[in-house]
């Protein structure tokens, strides 16, 4: 018999009843709770290791770009204008 390259492990988790009930309503009869939860955990871990720009304040993003372009270039003028708006 071949062994799985990424074998599964059995764990026990505790969920609030409201989340469990919502999960049960969300999944169809033939969908696996385990597969859904494994996918959700993987996505959460991937998100935590990634930069999501919508979570960074606009002023911080603009500050990071402030010195990227030559002084008085069109890009610099735009960034300086936006900084004035978002740092008020």
PDB file of N, CA and C in Angstrom:
ATOM      1  N   UNK A   1       0.844  -1.171   0.000  1.00  0.00           N
ATOM      2  CA  UNK A   1       0.000   0.000   0.000  1.00  0.00           C
ATOM      3  C   UNK A   1       0.896   1.243   0.000  1.00  0.00           C
ATOM      4  N   UNK A   2       0.544   2.241  -0.832  1.00  0.00           N
ATOM      5  CA  UNK A   2       1.313   3.493  -0.894  1.00  0.00           C
ATOM      6  C   UNK A   2       0.939   4.402   0.259  1.00  0.00           C
ATOM      7  N   UNK A   3       1.913   5.128   0.731  1.00  0.00           N
ATOM      8  CA  UNK A   3       1.659   6.104   1.780  1.00  0.00           C
ATOM      9  C   UNK A   3       1.388   7.465   1.145  1.00  0.00           C
ATOM     10  N   UNK A   4       0.528   8.227   1.775  1.00  0.00           N
ATOM     11  CA  UNK A   4       0.223   9.571   1.286  1.00  0.00           C
ATOM     12  C   UNK A   4       1.437  10.473   1.457  1.00  0.00           C
ATOM     13  N   UNK A   5       1.647  11.361   0.496  1.00  0.00           N
ATOM     14  CA  UNK A   5       2.781  12.282   0.606  1.00  0.00           C
ATOM     15  C   UNK A   5       2.543  13.335   1.684  1.00  0.00           C
ATOM     16  N   UNK A   6       1.302  13.626   1.972  1.00  0.00           N
ATOM     17  CA  UNK A   6       0.956  14.586   3.015  1.00  0.00           C
ATOM     18  C   UNK A   6      -0.167  13.979   3.858  1.00  0.00           C
ATOM     19  N   UNK A   7       0.183  13.039   4.736  1.00  0.00           N
ATOM     20  CA  UNK A   7      -0.859  12.326   5.474  1.00  0.00           C
ATOM     21  C   UNK A   7      -1.651  13.259   6.389  1.00  0.00           C
ATOM     22  N   UNK A   8      -2.897  12.914   6.585  1.00  0.00           N
ATOM     23  CA  UNK A   8      -3.749  13.711   7.467  1.00  0.00           C
ATOM     24  C   UNK A   8      -3.517  13.301   8.914  1.00  0.00           C
ATOM     25  N   UNK A   9      -3.846  14.191   9.814  1.00  0.00           N
ATOM     26  CA  UNK A   9      -3.755  13.941  11.247  1.00  0.00           C
ATOM     27  C   UNK A   9      -5.103  14.240  11.866  1.00  0.00           C
ATOM     28  N   UNK A  10      -5.512  13.393  12.745  1.00  0.00           N
ATOM     29  CA  UNK A  10      -6.781  13.583  13.428  1.00  0.00           C
ATOM     30  C   UNK A  10      -6.571  14.515  14.616  1.00  0.00           C
ATOM     31  N   UNK A  11      -7.412  15.553  14.689  1.00  0.00           N
ATOM     32  CA  UNK A  11      -7.366  16.472  15.819  1.00  0.00           C
ATOM     33  C   UNK A  11      -8.782  16.685  16.325  1.00  0.00           C
ATOM     34  N   UNK A  12      -8.887  17.273  17.464  1.00  0.00           N
ATOM     35  CA  UNK A  12     -10.185  17.621  18.018  1.00  0.00           C
ATOM     36  C   UNK A  12     -10.205  19.124  18.225  1.00  0.00           C
ATOM     37  N   UNK A  13     -11.264  19.776  17.772  1.00  0.00           N
ATOM     38  CA  UNK A  13     -11.400  21.218  17.979  1.00  0.00           C
ATOM     39  C   UNK A  13     -12.745  21.506  18.626  1.00  0.00           C
ATOM     40  N   UNK A  14     -12.829  22.648  19.243  1.00  0.00           N
ATOM     41  CA  UNK A  14     -14.069  23.085  19.866  1.00  0.00           C
ATOM     42  C   UNK A  14     -14.505  24.371  19.184  1.00  0.00           C
ATOM     43  N   UNK A  15     -15.753  24.399  18.728  1.00  0.00           N
ATOM     44  CA  UNK A  15     -16.314  25.578  18.071  1.00  0.00           C
ATOM     45  C   UNK A  15     -17.533  26.047  18.851  1.00  0.00           C
ATOM     46  N   UNK A  16     -17.766  27.343  18.879  1.00  0.00           N
ATOM     47  CA  UNK A  16     -19.034  27.813  19.448  1.00  0.00           C
ATOM     48  C   UNK A  16     -20.193  27.218  18.651  1.00  0.00           C
ATOM     49  N   UNK A  17     -21.286  26.935  19.330  1.00  0.00           N
ATOM     50  CA  UNK A  17     -22.439  26.318  18.680  1.00  0.00           C
ATOM     51  C   UNK A  17     -22.940  27.094  17.480  1.00  0.00           C
ATOM     52  N   UNK A  18     -22.913  28.426  17.565  1.00  0.00           N
ATOM     53  CA  UNK A  18     -23.420  29.239  16.452  1.00  0.00           C
ATOM     54  C   UNK A  18     -22.545  29.075  15.204  1.00  0.00           C
ATOM     55  N   UNK A  19     -21.232  28.974  15.396  1.00  0.00           N
ATOM     56  CA  UNK A  19     -20.341  28.780  14.248  1.00  0.00           C
ATOM     57  C   UNK A  19     -20.527  27.385  13.673  1.00  0.00           C
ATOM     58  N   UNK A  20     -20.651  26.383  14.536  1.00  0.00           N
ATOM     59  CA  UNK A  20     -20.881  25.020  14.064  1.00  0.00           C
ATOM     60  C   UNK A  20     -22.184  24.947  13.264  1.00  0.00           C
ATOM     61  N   UNK A  21     -23.249  25.544  13.784  1.00  0.00           N
ATOM     62  CA  UNK A  21     -24.537  25.512  13.082  1.00  0.00           C
ATOM     63  C   UNK A  21     -24.455  26.230  11.735  1.00  0.00           C
ATOM     64  N   UNK A  22     -23.729  27.354  11.703  1.00  0.00           N
ATOM     65  CA  UNK A  22     -23.567  28.078  10.443  1.00  0.00           C
ATOM     66  C   UNK A  22     -22.767  27.239   9.445  1.00  0.00           C
ATOM     67  N   UNK A  23     -21.734  26.562   9.927  1.00  0.00           N
ATOM     68  CA  UNK A  23     -20.938  25.681   9.070  1.00  0.00           C
ATOM     69  C   UNK A  23     -21.803  24.559   8.500  1.00  0.00           C
ATOM     70  N   UNK A  24     -22.624  23.977   9.331  1.00  0.00           N
ATOM     71  CA  UNK A  24     -23.510  22.902   8.872  1.00  0.00           C
ATOM     72  C   UNK A  24     -24.474  23.386   7.799  1.00  0.00           C
ATOM     73  N   UNK A  25     -24.993  24.601   7.958  1.00  0.00           N
ATOM     74  CA  UNK A  25     -25.902  25.146   6.944  1.00  0.00           C
ATOM     75  C   UNK A  25     -25.148  25.510   5.670  1.00  0.00           C
ATOM     76  N   UNK A  26     -23.885  25.915   5.815  1.00  0.00           N
ATOM     77  CA  UNK A  26     -23.083  26.360   4.683  1.00  0.00           C
ATOM     78  C   UNK A  26     -22.680  25.202   3.775  1.00  0.00           C
ATOM     79  N   UNK A  27     -22.297  24.084   4.376  1.00  0.00           N
ATOM     80  CA  UNK A  27     -21.812  22.942   3.601  1.00  0.00           C
ATOM     81  C   UNK A  27     -22.971  22.079   3.118  1.00  0.00           C
ATOM     82  N   UNK A  28     -22.823  21.550   1.924  1.00  0.00           N
ATOM     83  CA  UNK A  28     -23.831  20.603   1.434  1.00  0.00           C
ATOM     84  C   UNK A  28     -23.546  19.225   2.045  1.00  0.00           C
ATOM     85  N   UNK A  29     -24.479  18.313   1.876  1.00  0.00           N
ATOM     86  CA  UNK A  29     -24.372  16.985   2.486  1.00  0.00           C
ATOM     87  C   UNK A  29     -23.102  16.249   2.086  1.00  0.00           C
ATOM     88  N   UNK A  30     -22.659  16.431   0.855  1.00  0.00           N
ATOM     89  CA  UNK A  30     -21.493  15.672   0.377  1.00  0.00           C
ATOM     90  C   UNK A  30     -20.166  16.407   0.556  1.00  0.00           C
ATOM     91  N   UNK A  31     -20.175  17.578   1.208  1.00  0.00           N
ATOM     92  CA  UNK A  31     -18.932  18.303   1.455  1.00  0.00           C
ATOM     93  C   UNK A  31     -18.346  17.917   2.816  1.00  0.00           C
ATOM     94  N   UNK A  32     -17.039  17.898   2.876  1.00  0.00           N
ATOM     95  CA  UNK A  32     -16.335  17.484   4.081  1.00  0.00           C
ATOM     96  C   UNK A  32     -16.059  18.678   4.998  1.00  0.00           C
ATOM     97  N   UNK A  33     -16.491  18.571   6.258  1.00  0.00           N
ATOM     98  CA  UNK A  33     -16.153  19.598   7.249  1.00  0.00           C
ATOM     99  C   UNK A  33     -14.639  19.698   7.402  1.00  0.00           C
ATOM    100  N   UNK A  34     -13.987  18.532   7.468  1.00  0.00           N
ATOM    101  CA  UNK A  34     -12.528  18.514   7.657  1.00  0.00           C
ATOM    102  C   UNK A  34     -11.810  19.237   6.521  1.00  0.00           C
ATOM    103  N   UNK A  35     -12.218  18.971   5.297  1.00  0.00           N
ATOM    104  CA  UNK A  35     -11.582  19.611   4.149  1.00  0.00           C
ATOM    105  C   UNK A  35     -11.824  21.118   4.169  1.00  0.00           C
ATOM    106  N   UNK A  36     -13.041  21.513   4.543  1.00  0.00           N
ATOM    107  CA  UNK A  36     -13.367  22.936   4.610  1.00  0.00           C
ATOM    108  C   UNK A  36     -12.527  23.638   5.670  1.00  0.00           C
ATOM    109  N   UNK A  37     -12.439  23.040   6.857  1.00  0.00           N
ATOM    110  CA  UNK A  37     -11.673  23.644   7.950  1.00  0.00           C
ATOM    111  C   UNK A  37     -10.186  23.668   7.601  1.00  0.00           C
ATOM    112  N   UNK A  38      -9.668  22.609   6.998  1.00  0.00           N
ATOM    113  CA  UNK A  38      -8.258  22.582   6.592  1.00  0.00           C
ATOM    114  C   UNK A  38      -7.977  23.696   5.587  1.00  0.00           C
ATOM    115  N   UNK A  39      -8.878  23.900   4.650  1.00  0.00           N
ATOM    116  CA  UNK A  39      -8.715  24.958   3.659  1.00  0.00           C
ATOM    117  C   UNK A  39      -8.763  26.337   4.322  1.00  0.00           C
ATOM    118  N   UNK A  40      -9.681  26.524   5.267  1.00  0.00           N
ATOM    119  CA  UNK A  40      -9.803  27.806   5.969  1.00  0.00           C
ATOM    120  C   UNK A  40      -8.539  28.106   6.779  1.00  0.00           C
ATOM    121  N   UNK A  41      -7.984  27.094   7.440  1.00  0.00           N
ATOM    122  CA  UNK A  41      -6.758  27.276   8.217  1.00  0.00           C
ATOM    123  C   UNK A  41      -5.601  27.628   7.287  1.00  0.00           C
ATOM    124  N   UNK A  42      -5.489  26.922   6.168  1.00  0.00           N
ATOM    125  CA  UNK A  42      -4.419  27.191   5.208  1.00  0.00           C
ATOM    126  C   UNK A  42      -4.522  28.613   4.659  1.00  0.00           C
ATOM    127  N   UNK A  43      -5.736  29.062   4.323  1.00  0.00           N
ATOM    128  CA  UNK A  43      -5.916  30.422   3.815  1.00  0.00           C
ATOM    129  C   UNK A  43      -5.553  31.455   4.873  1.00  0.00           C
ATOM    130  N   UNK A  44      -5.935  31.210   6.116  1.00  0.00           N
ATOM    131  CA  UNK A  44      -5.621  32.144   7.202  1.00  0.00           C
ATOM    132  C   UNK A  44      -4.115  32.249   7.397  1.00  0.00           C
ATOM    133  N   UNK A  45      -3.428  31.112   7.373  1.00  0.00           N
ATOM    134  CA  UNK A  45      -1.979  31.136   7.552  1.00  0.00           C
ATOM    135  C   UNK A  45      -1.294  31.824   6.380  1.00  0.00           C
ATOM    136  N   UNK A  46      -1.800  31.618   5.165  1.00  0.00           N
ATOM    137  CA  UNK A  46      -1.234  32.273   3.992  1.00  0.00           C
ATOM    138  C   UNK A  46      -1.448  33.779   4.084  1.00  0.00           C
ATOM    139  N   UNK A  47      -2.632  34.189   4.505  1.00  0.00           N
ATOM    140  CA  UNK A  47      -2.935  35.613   4.637  1.00  0.00           C
ATOM    141  C   UNK A  47      -2.024  36.254   5.676  1.00  0.00           C
ATOM    142  N   UNK A  48      -1.796  35.566   6.779  1.00  0.00           N
ATOM    143  CA  UNK A  48      -0.953  36.124   7.834  1.00  0.00           C
ATOM    144  C   UNK A  48       0.493  36.270   7.389  1.00  0.00           C
ATOM    145  N   UNK A  49       0.896  35.546   6.359  1.00  0.00           N
ATOM    146  CA  UNK A  49       2.255  35.641   5.846  1.00  0.00           C
ATOM    147  C   UNK A  49       2.349  36.535   4.619  1.00  0.00           C
ATOM    148  N   UNK A  50       1.259  37.187   4.270  1.00  0.00           N
ATOM    149  CA  UNK A  50       1.221  38.038   3.091  1.00  0.00           C
ATOM    150  C   UNK A  50       0.922  39.477   3.495  1.00  0.00           C
ATOM    151  N   UNK A  51       1.247  40.386   2.601  1.00  0.00           N
ATOM    152  CA  UNK A  51       0.903  41.782   2.830  1.00  0.00           C
ATOM    153  C   UNK A  51      -0.412  42.056   2.112  1.00  0.00           C
ATOM    154  N   UNK A  52      -1.376  42.524   2.848  1.00  0.00           N
ATOM    155  CA  UNK A  52      -2.642  42.919   2.262  1.00  0.00           C
ATOM    156  C   UNK A  52      -2.706  44.439   2.341  1.00  0.00           C
ATOM    157  N   UNK A  53      -2.598  45.072   1.189  1.00  0.00           N
ATOM    158  CA  UNK A  53      -2.488  46.514   1.147  1.00  0.00           C
ATOM    159  C   UNK A  53      -3.742  47.210   1.662  1.00  0.00           C
ATOM    160  N   UNK A  54      -4.893  46.548   1.606  1.00  0.00           N
ATOM    161  CA  UNK A  54      -6.096  47.185   2.113  1.00  0.00           C
ATOM    162  C   UNK A  54      -6.079  47.303   3.638  1.00  0.00           C
ATOM    163  N   UNK A  55      -5.152  46.631   4.296  1.00  0.00           N
ATOM    164  CA  UNK A  55      -5.041  46.715   5.749  1.00  0.00           C
ATOM    165  C   UNK A  55      -4.005  47.750   6.186  1.00  0.00           C
ATOM    166  N   UNK A  56      -3.265  48.331   5.235  1.00  0.00           N
ATOM    167  CA  UNK A  56      -2.248  49.329   5.541  1.00  0.00           C
ATOM    168  C   UNK A  56      -2.858  50.708   5.314  1.00  0.00           C
ATOM    169  N   UNK A  57      -2.716  51.611   6.271  1.00  0.00           N
ATOM    170  CA  UNK A  57      -3.269  52.958   6.075  1.00  0.00           C
ATOM    171  C   UNK A  57      -2.702  53.617   4.814  1.00  0.00           C
ATOM    172  N   UNK A  58      -3.552  54.345   4.109  1.00  0.00           N
ATOM    173  CA  UNK A  58      -3.154  55.003   2.868  1.00  0.00           C
ATOM    174  C   UNK A  58      -1.957  55.917   3.078  1.00  0.00           C
ATOM    175  N   UNK A  59      -1.939  56.646   4.195  1.00  0.00           N
ATOM    176  CA  UNK A  59      -0.824  57.557   4.455  1.00  0.00           C
ATOM    177  C   UNK A  59       0.495  56.794   4.572  1.00  0.00           C
ATOM    178  N   UNK A  60       0.463  55.589   5.141  1.00  0.00           N
ATOM    179  CA  UNK A  60       1.679  54.774   5.244  1.00  0.00           C
ATOM    180  C   UNK A  60       2.153  54.303   3.868  1.00  0.00           C
ATOM    181  N   UNK A  61       1.209  53.914   3.016  1.00  0.00           N
ATOM    182  CA  UNK A  61       1.570  53.500   1.663  1.00  0.00           C
ATOM    183  C   UNK A  61       2.200  54.662   0.892  1.00  0.00           C
ATOM    184  N   UNK A  62       1.594  55.833   1.006  1.00  0.00           N
ATOM    185  CA  UNK A  62       2.125  56.996   0.308  1.00  0.00           C
ATOM    186  C   UNK A  62       3.501  57.383   0.848  1.00  0.00           C
ATOM    187  N   UNK A  63       3.683  57.278   2.153  1.00  0.00           N
ATOM    188  CA  UNK A  63       4.992  57.581   2.744  1.00  0.00           C
ATOM    189  C   UNK A  63       6.062  56.636   2.213  1.00  0.00           C
ATOM    190  N   UNK A  64       5.685  55.392   2.004  1.00  0.00           N
ATOM    191  CA  UNK A  64       6.634  54.418   1.469  1.00  0.00           C
ATOM    192  C   UNK A  64       7.038  54.765   0.036  1.00  0.00           C
ATOM    193  N   UNK A  65       6.143  55.425  -0.691  1.00  0.00           N
ATOM    194  CA  UNK A  65       6.423  55.807  -2.080  1.00  0.00           C
ATOM    195  C   UNK A  65       7.054  57.193  -2.200  1.00  0.00           C
ATOM    196  N   UNK A  66       7.117  57.917  -1.105  1.00  0.00           N
ATOM    197  CA  UNK A  66       7.509  59.329  -1.139  1.00  0.00           C
ATOM    198  C   UNK A  66       8.850  59.578  -1.821  1.00  0.00           C
ATOM    199  N   UNK A  67       9.818  58.704  -1.634  1.00  0.00           N
ATOM    200  CA  UNK A  67      11.152  58.944  -2.195  1.00  0.00           C
ATOM    201  C   UNK A  67      11.496  57.996  -3.347  1.00  0.00           C
ATOM    202  N   UNK A  68      10.504  57.346  -3.894  1.00  0.00           N
ATOM    203  CA  UNK A  68      10.751  56.389  -4.972  1.00  0.00           C
ATOM    204  C   UNK A  68      11.022  57.080  -6.306  1.00  0.00           C
ATOM    205  N   UNK A  69      10.396  58.220  -6.531  1.00  0.00           N
ATOM    206  CA  UNK A  69      10.482  58.890  -7.824  1.00  0.00           C
ATOM    207  C   UNK A  69      11.334  60.148  -7.724  1.00  0.00           C
ATOM    208  N   UNK A  70      11.914  60.590  -8.847  1.00  0.00           N
ATOM    209  CA  UNK A  70      12.730  61.816  -8.825  1.00  0.00           C
ATOM    210  C   UNK A  70      11.915  63.019  -8.334  1.00  0.00           C
ATOM    211  N   UNK A  71      12.577  63.892  -7.607  1.00  0.00           N
ATOM    212  CA  UNK A  71      11.928  65.086  -7.077  1.00  0.00           C
ATOM    213  C   UNK A  71      11.301  65.888  -8.210  1.00  0.00           C
ATOM    214  N   UNK A  72      10.083  66.329  -7.994  1.00  0.00           N
ATOM    215  CA  UNK A  72       9.301  67.150  -8.931  1.00  0.00           C
ATOM    216  C   UNK A  72       8.882  66.423 -10.199  1.00  0.00           C
ATOM    217  N   UNK A  73       9.076  65.107 -10.255  1.00  0.00           N
ATOM    218  CA  UNK A  73       8.540  64.345 -11.387  1.00  0.00           C
ATOM    219  C   UNK A  73       7.011  64.306 -11.227  1.00  0.00           C
ATOM    220  N   UNK A  74       6.287  63.996 -12.287  1.00  0.00           N
ATOM    221  CA  UNK A  74       4.822  63.930 -12.162  1.00  0.00           C
ATOM    222  C   UNK A  74       4.379  62.966 -11.049  1.00  0.00           C
ATOM    223  N   UNK A  75       5.070  61.845 -10.924  1.00  0.00           N
ATOM    224  CA  UNK A  75       4.721  60.882  -9.879  1.00  0.00           C
ATOM    225  C   UNK A  75       4.951  61.472  -8.489  1.00  0.00           C
ATOM    226  N   UNK A  76       6.084  62.169  -8.332  1.00  0.00           N
ATOM    227  CA  UNK A  76       6.406  62.795  -7.045  1.00  0.00           C
ATOM    228  C   UNK A  76       5.368  63.853  -6.687  1.00  0.00           C
ATOM    229  N   UNK A  77       5.004  64.682  -7.647  1.00  0.00           N
ATOM    230  CA  UNK A  77       4.012  65.738  -7.405  1.00  0.00           C
ATOM    231  C   UNK A  77       2.681  65.107  -6.975  1.00  0.00           C
ATOM    232  N   UNK A  78       2.281  64.042  -7.650  1.00  0.00           N
ATOM    233  CA  UNK A  78       1.038  63.360  -7.298  1.00  0.00           C
ATOM    234  C   UNK A  78       1.107  62.797  -5.879  1.00  0.00           C
ATOM    235  N   UNK A  79       2.189  62.114  -5.568  1.00  0.00           N
ATOM    236  CA  UNK A  79       2.323  61.516  -4.241  1.00  0.00           C
ATOM    237  C   UNK A  79       2.336  62.602  -3.169  1.00  0.00           C
ATOM    238  N   UNK A  80       3.061  63.694  -3.398  1.00  0.00           N
ATOM    239  CA  UNK A  80       3.103  64.788  -2.419  1.00  0.00           C
ATOM    240  C   UNK A  80       1.711  65.386  -2.221  1.00  0.00           C
ATOM    241  N   UNK A  81       0.955  65.514  -3.295  1.00  0.00           N
ATOM    242  CA  UNK A  81      -0.420  66.042  -3.201  1.00  0.00           C
ATOM    243  C   UNK A  81      -1.307  65.092  -2.400  1.00  0.00           C
ATOM    244  N   UNK A  82      -1.188  63.820  -2.699  1.00  0.00           N
ATOM    245  CA  UNK A  82      -1.998  62.837  -1.965  1.00  0.00           C
ATOM    246  C   UNK A  82      -1.599  62.769  -0.495  1.00  0.00           C
ATOM    247  N   UNK A  83      -0.319  62.896  -0.214  1.00  0.00           N
ATOM    248  CA  UNK A  83       0.132  62.906   1.192  1.00  0.00           C
ATOM    249  C   UNK A  83      -0.502  64.053   1.961  1.00  0.00           C
ATOM    250  N   UNK A  84      -0.606  65.228   1.311  1.00  0.00           N
ATOM    251  CA  UNK A  84      -1.224  66.368   1.980  1.00  0.00           C
ATOM    252  C   UNK A  84      -2.684  66.089   2.310  1.00  0.00           C
ATOM    253  N   UNK A  85      -3.366  65.372   1.435  1.00  0.00           N
ATOM    254  CA  UNK A  85      -4.776  65.047   1.658  1.00  0.00           C
ATOM    255  C   UNK A  85      -4.929  64.019   2.777  1.00  0.00           C
ATOM    256  N   UNK A  86      -4.114  62.958   2.729  1.00  0.00           N
ATOM    257  CA  UNK A  86      -4.306  61.836   3.645  1.00  0.00           C
ATOM    258  C   UNK A  86      -3.605  61.980   4.990  1.00  0.00           C
ATOM    259  N   UNK A  87      -2.803  63.026   5.165  1.00  0.00           N
ATOM    260  CA  UNK A  87      -2.128  63.200   6.455  1.00  0.00           C
ATOM    261  C   UNK A  87      -2.672  64.398   7.219  1.00  0.00           C
ATOM    262  N   UNK A  88      -3.804  64.915   6.796  1.00  0.00           N
ATOM    263  CA  UNK A  88      -4.434  66.053   7.500  1.00  0.00           C
ATOM    264  C   UNK A  88      -5.038  65.584   8.790  1.00  0.00           C
TER     265      UNK A  88
END
